[in-house]
């Protein structure tokens, strides 16, 4: 138990917080025509945009490194 004597000095010790989390993206792609190249390209674009979002989220929240 820690008490504050009013001196303004820090009481106790600081511990680094460990933050861990999983980011899962689930999405459905509907393809009207049978066009494998277009389907793969669309899936790739959506995946890449989500990867960028996740990377930016990590940078913005300072959780990298």
C-alpha atoms as a PDB file:
ATOM      1  CA  UNK A   1       0.000   0.000   0.000  1.00  0.00           C
ATOM      2  CA  UNK A   2       1.292   3.445  -0.925  1.00  0.00           C
ATOM      3  CA  UNK A   3       0.637   6.745   0.800  1.00  0.00           C
ATOM      4  CA  UNK A   4       1.196  10.309  -0.385  1.00  0.00           C
ATOM      5  CA  UNK A   5       2.929  12.516   2.176  1.00  0.00           C
ATOM      6  CA  UNK A   6       2.093  15.661   0.234  1.00  0.00           C
ATOM      7  CA  UNK A   7       5.719  16.413  -0.616  1.00  0.00           C
ATOM      8  CA  UNK A   8       5.070  16.112  -4.327  1.00  0.00           C
ATOM      9  CA  UNK A   9       7.605  13.326  -4.662  1.00  0.00           C
ATOM     10  CA  UNK A  10       6.641  10.271  -6.653  1.00  0.00           C
ATOM     11  CA  UNK A  11       5.591   7.375  -4.487  1.00  0.00           C
ATOM     12  CA  UNK A  12       6.310   3.791  -5.463  1.00  0.00           C
ATOM     13  CA  UNK A  13       7.661   2.472  -8.733  1.00  0.00           C
ATOM     14  CA  UNK A  14       6.449   2.768 -12.280  1.00  0.00           C
ATOM     15  CA  UNK A  15       6.028  -0.367 -14.327  1.00  0.00           C
ATOM     16  CA  UNK A  16       5.942  -0.501 -18.107  1.00  0.00           C
ATOM     17  CA  UNK A  17       2.549  -1.573 -19.334  1.00  0.00           C
ATOM     18  CA  UNK A  18       2.390  -4.414 -21.799  1.00  0.00           C
ATOM     19  CA  UNK A  19      -0.302  -4.024 -24.416  1.00  0.00           C
ATOM     20  CA  UNK A  20      -1.184  -6.827 -26.761  1.00  0.00           C
ATOM     21  CA  UNK A  21      -4.171  -7.295 -29.005  1.00  0.00           C
ATOM     22  CA  UNK A  22      -5.341  -9.042 -32.131  1.00  0.00           C
ATOM     23  CA  UNK A  23      -6.927  -7.244 -35.049  1.00  0.00           C
ATOM     24  CA  UNK A  24      -9.148  -9.443 -37.164  1.00  0.00           C
ATOM     25  CA  UNK A  25     -10.774  -8.327 -40.388  1.00  0.00           C
ATOM     26  CA  UNK A  26     -13.661 -10.244 -41.858  1.00  0.00           C
ATOM     27  CA  UNK A  27     -15.140  -9.261 -45.174  1.00  0.00           C
ATOM     28  CA  UNK A  28     -17.040 -10.759 -48.054  1.00  0.00           C
ATOM     29  CA  UNK A  29     -16.370 -10.106 -51.716  1.00  0.00           C
ATOM     30  CA  UNK A  30     -19.219 -10.637 -54.147  1.00  0.00           C
ATOM     31  CA  UNK A  31     -18.244 -11.280 -57.749  1.00  0.00           C
ATOM     32  CA  UNK A  32     -20.983 -10.968 -60.363  1.00  0.00           C
ATOM     33  CA  UNK A  33     -19.090 -12.563 -63.209  1.00  0.00           C
ATOM     34  CA  UNK A  34     -16.547 -15.364 -63.147  1.00  0.00           C
ATOM     35  CA  UNK A  35     -13.443 -13.230 -63.422  1.00  0.00           C
ATOM     36  CA  UNK A  36     -10.731 -14.721 -61.252  1.00  0.00           C
ATOM     37  CA  UNK A  37      -8.178 -11.999 -61.968  1.00  0.00           C
ATOM     38  CA  UNK A  38     -10.613  -9.261 -60.992  1.00  0.00           C
ATOM     39  CA  UNK A  39     -11.644 -11.136 -57.842  1.00  0.00           C
ATOM     40  CA  UNK A  40      -8.040 -11.647 -56.763  1.00  0.00           C
ATOM     41  CA  UNK A  41      -7.212  -8.016 -57.528  1.00  0.00           C
ATOM     42  CA  UNK A  42     -10.171  -6.777 -55.473  1.00  0.00           C
ATOM     43  CA  UNK A  43      -9.287  -9.062 -52.574  1.00  0.00           C
ATOM     44  CA  UNK A  44      -5.699  -7.833 -52.703  1.00  0.00           C
ATOM     45  CA  UNK A  45      -6.773  -4.183 -52.672  1.00  0.00           C
ATOM     46  CA  UNK A  46      -9.085  -4.709 -49.704  1.00  0.00           C
ATOM     47  CA  UNK A  47      -6.470  -6.672 -47.787  1.00  0.00           C
ATOM     48  CA  UNK A  48      -3.765  -4.066 -48.438  1.00  0.00           C
ATOM     49  CA  UNK A  49      -6.010  -1.213 -47.299  1.00  0.00           C
ATOM     50  CA  UNK A  50      -6.708  -3.086 -44.060  1.00  0.00           C
ATOM     51  CA  UNK A  51      -3.019  -3.770 -43.532  1.00  0.00           C
ATOM     52  CA  UNK A  52      -2.282  -0.062 -43.972  1.00  0.00           C
ATOM     53  CA  UNK A  53      -5.057   0.830 -41.530  1.00  0.00           C
ATOM     54  CA  UNK A  54      -3.681  -1.589 -38.945  1.00  0.00           C
ATOM     55  CA  UNK A  55      -0.151  -0.224 -39.398  1.00  0.00           C
ATOM     56  CA  UNK A  56      -1.346   3.366 -39.069  1.00  0.00           C
ATOM     57  CA  UNK A  57      -3.347   2.427 -35.980  1.00  0.00           C
ATOM     58  CA  UNK A  58      -0.219   0.995 -34.373  1.00  0.00           C
ATOM     59  CA  UNK A  59       1.773   4.127 -35.209  1.00  0.00           C
ATOM     60  CA  UNK A  60      -0.961   6.482 -34.024  1.00  0.00           C
ATOM     61  CA  UNK A  61      -1.326   4.725 -30.686  1.00  0.00           C
ATOM     62  CA  UNK A  62       2.424   4.411 -30.124  1.00  0.00           C
ATOM     63  CA  UNK A  63       2.314   0.639 -29.760  1.00  0.00           C
ATOM     64  CA  UNK A  64       5.109  -0.124 -32.207  1.00  0.00           C
ATOM     65  CA  UNK A  65       8.536  -1.238 -31.121  1.00  0.00           C
END
